[in-house]
Amino acid sequence: MAKNLVSIEAVNDRGLRLRWQYGGKRFCLAIGLPDTLTNRTVAEAKARQIELDVLSGHFDLTLDRYRLQSTIEQRVRSGVTVPELFNKFILERQNDVYARSLEKYKVLMKSLSESLLGQK
């Protein structure tokens, strides 16, 4: 495997980004994380994934496969609706909050379900 096909750069106020070439084109992908030891490890893992995909012929030209996604974005893309996600939140928190807070959560849950946001 070619060494350092994908390079990791720290951009002053923007955090870490990856840079590489493929098919005669230059690519750049902002990781969206500040330059820390832990985040460098995350960037290195993404860089290795890109390198493997390039070498195996499975490179995603849209770069969607390599972008970091928040948990909410991942669940939305997987077909979980906002009310379902909020219901999971309520179930997770039910033993840690006051009964009054749970009542407010349930009222909000009903509003979410009835709104257009409930279908997303």
C-alpha atoms as a PDB file:
ATOM      1  CA  MET A   1       0.000   0.000   0.000  1.00  0.00           C
ATOM      2  CA  ALA A   2       1.275   3.481  -0.801  1.00  0.00           C
ATOM      3  CA  LYS A   3       2.424   5.226   2.339  1.00  0.00           C
ATOM      4  CA  ASN A   4       0.563   8.399   3.284  1.00  0.00           C
ATOM      5  CA  LEU A   5      -1.732   8.483   0.267  1.00  0.00           C
ATOM      6  CA  VAL A   6      -4.005  10.683   2.406  1.00  0.00           C
ATOM      7  CA  SER A   7      -2.391  13.455   4.451  1.00  0.00           C
ATOM      8  CA  ILE A   8      -3.795  14.998   7.614  1.00  0.00           C
ATOM      9  CA  GLU A   9      -3.496  18.747   8.070  1.00  0.00           C
ATOM     10  CA  ALA A  10      -4.317  21.058  10.951  1.00  0.00           C
ATOM     11  CA  VAL A  11      -5.944  24.220   9.620  1.00  0.00           C
ATOM     12  CA  ASN A  12      -5.685  27.054  12.145  1.00  0.00           C
ATOM     13  CA  ASP A  13      -9.233  27.814  13.216  1.00  0.00           C
ATOM     14  CA  ARG A  14     -10.995  25.113  11.183  1.00  0.00           C
ATOM     15  CA  GLY A  15      -9.528  21.999  12.754  1.00  0.00           C
ATOM     16  CA  LEU A  16      -8.356  18.884  10.933  1.00  0.00           C
ATOM     17  CA  ARG A  17      -8.739  18.090   7.263  1.00  0.00           C
ATOM     18  CA  LEU A  18      -7.675  15.332   4.891  1.00  0.00           C
ATOM     19  CA  ARG A  19      -6.048  15.899   1.484  1.00  0.00           C
ATOM     20  CA  TRP A  20      -5.297  13.406  -1.299  1.00  0.00           C
ATOM     21  CA  GLN A  21      -5.336  12.844  -5.030  1.00  0.00           C
ATOM     22  CA  TYR A  22      -7.377  10.334  -6.987  1.00  0.00           C
ATOM     23  CA  GLY A  23      -7.829   9.995 -10.736  1.00  0.00           C
ATOM     24  CA  GLY A  24      -5.851  13.156 -11.390  1.00  0.00           C
ATOM     25  CA  LYS A  25      -8.091  15.245  -9.113  1.00  0.00           C
ATOM     26  CA  ARG A  26      -7.275  16.734  -5.730  1.00  0.00           C
ATOM     27  CA  PHE A  27      -9.645  16.073  -2.868  1.00  0.00           C
ATOM     28  CA  CYS A  28     -10.001  17.812   0.472  1.00  0.00           C
ATOM     29  CA  LEU A  29     -12.292  16.791   3.326  1.00  0.00           C
ATOM     30  CA  ALA A  30     -12.725  18.790   6.514  1.00  0.00           C
ATOM     31  CA  ILE A  31     -13.082  16.481   9.484  1.00  0.00           C
ATOM     32  CA  GLY A  32     -14.764  19.218  11.520  1.00  0.00           C
ATOM     33  CA  LEU A  33     -12.853  18.415  14.700  1.00  0.00           C
ATOM     34  CA  PRO A  34     -10.182  20.462  16.494  1.00  0.00           C
ATOM     35  CA  ASP A  35      -6.575  19.253  16.465  1.00  0.00           C
ATOM     36  CA  THR A  36      -6.297  16.986  19.518  1.00  0.00           C
ATOM     37  CA  LEU A  37      -4.653  13.608  20.007  1.00  0.00           C
ATOM     38  CA  THR A  38      -8.019  11.803  20.048  1.00  0.00           C
ATOM     39  CA  ASN A  39      -9.296  13.657  16.990  1.00  0.00           C
ATOM     40  CA  ARG A  40      -6.054  12.904  15.141  1.00  0.00           C
ATOM     41  CA  THR A  41      -6.786   9.216  15.722  1.00  0.00           C
ATOM     42  CA  VAL A  42     -10.252   9.696  14.216  1.00  0.00           C
ATOM     43  CA  ALA A  43      -8.717  11.515  11.226  1.00  0.00           C
ATOM     44  CA  GLU A  44      -6.147   8.745  10.767  1.00  0.00           C
ATOM     45  CA  ALA A  45      -8.908   6.128  10.726  1.00  0.00           C
ATOM     46  CA  LYS A  46     -10.778   8.102   8.040  1.00  0.00           C
ATOM     47  CA  ALA A  47      -7.547   8.496   6.066  1.00  0.00           C
ATOM     48  CA  ARG A  48      -6.933   4.716   6.166  1.00  0.00           C
ATOM     49  CA  GLN A  49     -10.532   4.082   5.066  1.00  0.00           C
ATOM     50  CA  ILE A  50     -10.067   6.387   2.075  1.00  0.00           C
ATOM     51  CA  GLU A  51      -6.744   4.752   1.208  1.00  0.00           C
ATOM     52  CA  LEU A  52      -8.260   1.273   1.326  1.00  0.00           C
ATOM     53  CA  ASP A  53     -11.213   2.344  -0.818  1.00  0.00           C
ATOM     54  CA  VAL A  54      -8.890   3.923  -3.400  1.00  0.00           C
ATOM     55  CA  LEU A  55      -6.717   0.819  -3.563  1.00  0.00           C
ATOM     56  CA  SER A  56      -9.675  -1.565  -3.723  1.00  0.00           C
ATOM     57  CA  GLY A  57     -11.543   0.460  -6.353  1.00  0.00           C
ATOM     58  CA  HIS A  58     -14.444   1.398  -4.053  1.00  0.00           C
ATOM     59  CA  PHE A  59     -13.699   5.111  -3.666  1.00  0.00           C
ATOM     60  CA  ASP A  60     -16.816   7.272  -3.161  1.00  0.00           C
ATOM     61  CA  LEU A  61     -16.403  10.361  -5.356  1.00  0.00           C
ATOM     62  CA  THR A  62     -19.183  12.154  -3.437  1.00  0.00           C
ATOM     63  CA  LEU A  63     -17.152  11.752  -0.218  1.00  0.00           C
ATOM     64  CA  ASP A  64     -20.368  11.034   1.697  1.00  0.00           C
ATOM     65  CA  ARG A  65     -18.968   7.744   2.910  1.00  0.00           C
ATOM     66  CA  TYR A  66     -16.080   9.530   4.633  1.00  0.00           C
ATOM     67  CA  ARG A  67     -17.879  12.398   6.334  1.00  0.00           C
ATOM     68  CA  LEU A  68     -18.401  12.201  10.074  1.00  0.00           C
ATOM     69  CA  GLN A  69     -22.075  12.185  10.939  1.00  0.00           C
ATOM     70  CA  SER A  70     -23.737  13.020  14.191  1.00  0.00           C
ATOM     71  CA  THR A  71     -25.831  10.345  15.823  1.00  0.00           C
ATOM     72  CA  ILE A  72     -28.999  12.276  14.977  1.00  0.00           C
ATOM     73  CA  GLU A  73     -28.052  12.495  11.284  1.00  0.00           C
ATOM     74  CA  GLN A  74     -27.307   8.777  11.211  1.00  0.00           C
ATOM     75  CA  ARG A  75     -30.678   7.949  12.758  1.00  0.00           C
ATOM     76  CA  VAL A  76     -32.542  10.311  10.451  1.00  0.00           C
ATOM     77  CA  ARG A  77     -30.881   8.706   7.436  1.00  0.00           C
ATOM     78  CA  SER A  78     -31.749   5.268   8.778  1.00  0.00           C
ATOM     79  CA  GLY A  79     -35.473   6.113   8.741  1.00  0.00           C
ATOM     80  CA  VAL A  80     -36.078   6.855  12.431  1.00  0.00           C
ATOM     81  CA  THR A  81     -38.615   9.660  12.804  1.00  0.00           C
ATOM     82  CA  VAL A  82     -38.253  12.616  15.169  1.00  0.00           C
ATOM     83  CA  PRO A  83     -41.023  11.362  17.515  1.00  0.00           C
ATOM     84  CA  GLU A  84     -39.400   7.901  17.668  1.00  0.00           C
ATOM     85  CA  LEU A  85     -36.056   9.453  18.492  1.00  0.00           C
ATOM     86  CA  PHE A  86     -37.602  11.741  21.116  1.00  0.00           C
ATOM     87  CA  ASN A  87     -39.471   8.784  22.611  1.00  0.00           C
ATOM     88  CA  LYS A  88     -36.138   6.971  23.017  1.00  0.00           C
ATOM     89  CA  PHE A  89     -34.833  10.083  24.770  1.00  0.00           C
ATOM     90  CA  ILE A  90     -37.819  10.063  27.149  1.00  0.00           C
ATOM     91  CA  LEU A  91     -37.341   6.384  27.945  1.00  0.00           C
ATOM     92  CA  GLU A  92     -33.651   6.988  28.586  1.00  0.00           C
ATOM     93  CA  ARG A  93     -34.309   9.916  30.936  1.00  0.00           C
ATOM     94  CA  GLN A  94     -37.454   8.731  32.741  1.00  0.00           C
ATOM     95  CA  ASN A  95     -35.600   7.525  35.847  1.00  0.00           C
ATOM     96  CA  ASP A  96     -33.397  10.634  36.097  1.00  0.00           C
ATOM     97  CA  VAL A  97     -35.913  13.493  35.921  1.00  0.00           C
ATOM     98  CA  TYR A  98     -38.819  14.782  37.961  1.00  0.00           C
ATOM     99  CA  ALA A  99     -42.319  13.540  37.180  1.00  0.00           C
ATOM    100  CA  ARG A 100     -43.282  17.069  36.095  1.00  0.00           C
ATOM    101  CA  SER A 101     -40.464  17.079  33.547  1.00  0.00           C
ATOM    102  CA  LEU A 102     -41.719  13.761  32.156  1.00  0.00           C
ATOM    103  CA  GLU A 103     -45.178  15.266  31.767  1.00  0.00           C
ATOM    104  CA  LYS A 104     -43.693  18.186  29.816  1.00  0.00           C
ATOM    105  CA  TYR A 105     -41.725  15.762  27.630  1.00  0.00           C
ATOM    106  CA  LYS A 106     -44.908  13.841  26.858  1.00  0.00           C
ATOM    107  CA  VAL A 107     -46.775  17.022  25.917  1.00  0.00           C
ATOM    108  CA  LEU A 108     -43.910  17.954  23.624  1.00  0.00           C
ATOM    109  CA  MET A 109     -43.961  14.423  22.224  1.00  0.00           C
ATOM    110  CA  LYS A 110     -47.631  14.799  21.330  1.00  0.00           C
ATOM    111  CA  SER A 111     -46.944  18.152  19.632  1.00  0.00           C
ATOM    112  CA  LEU A 112     -44.079  16.633  17.672  1.00  0.00           C
ATOM    113  CA  SER A 113     -46.214  13.738  16.516  1.00  0.00           C
ATOM    114  CA  GLU A 114     -48.956  16.037  15.308  1.00  0.00           C
ATOM    115  CA  SER A 115     -46.645  18.482  13.511  1.00  0.00           C
ATOM    116  CA  LEU A 116     -44.978  18.191  10.135  1.00  0.00           C
ATOM    117  CA  LEU A 117     -41.709  17.602  11.960  1.00  0.00           C
ATOM    118  CA  GLY A 118     -43.166  14.349  13.222  1.00  0.00           C
ATOM    119  CA  GLN A 119     -42.964  12.899   9.731  1.00  0.00           C
ATOM    120  CA  LYS A 120     -39.220  13.540   9.352  1.00  0.00           C
END
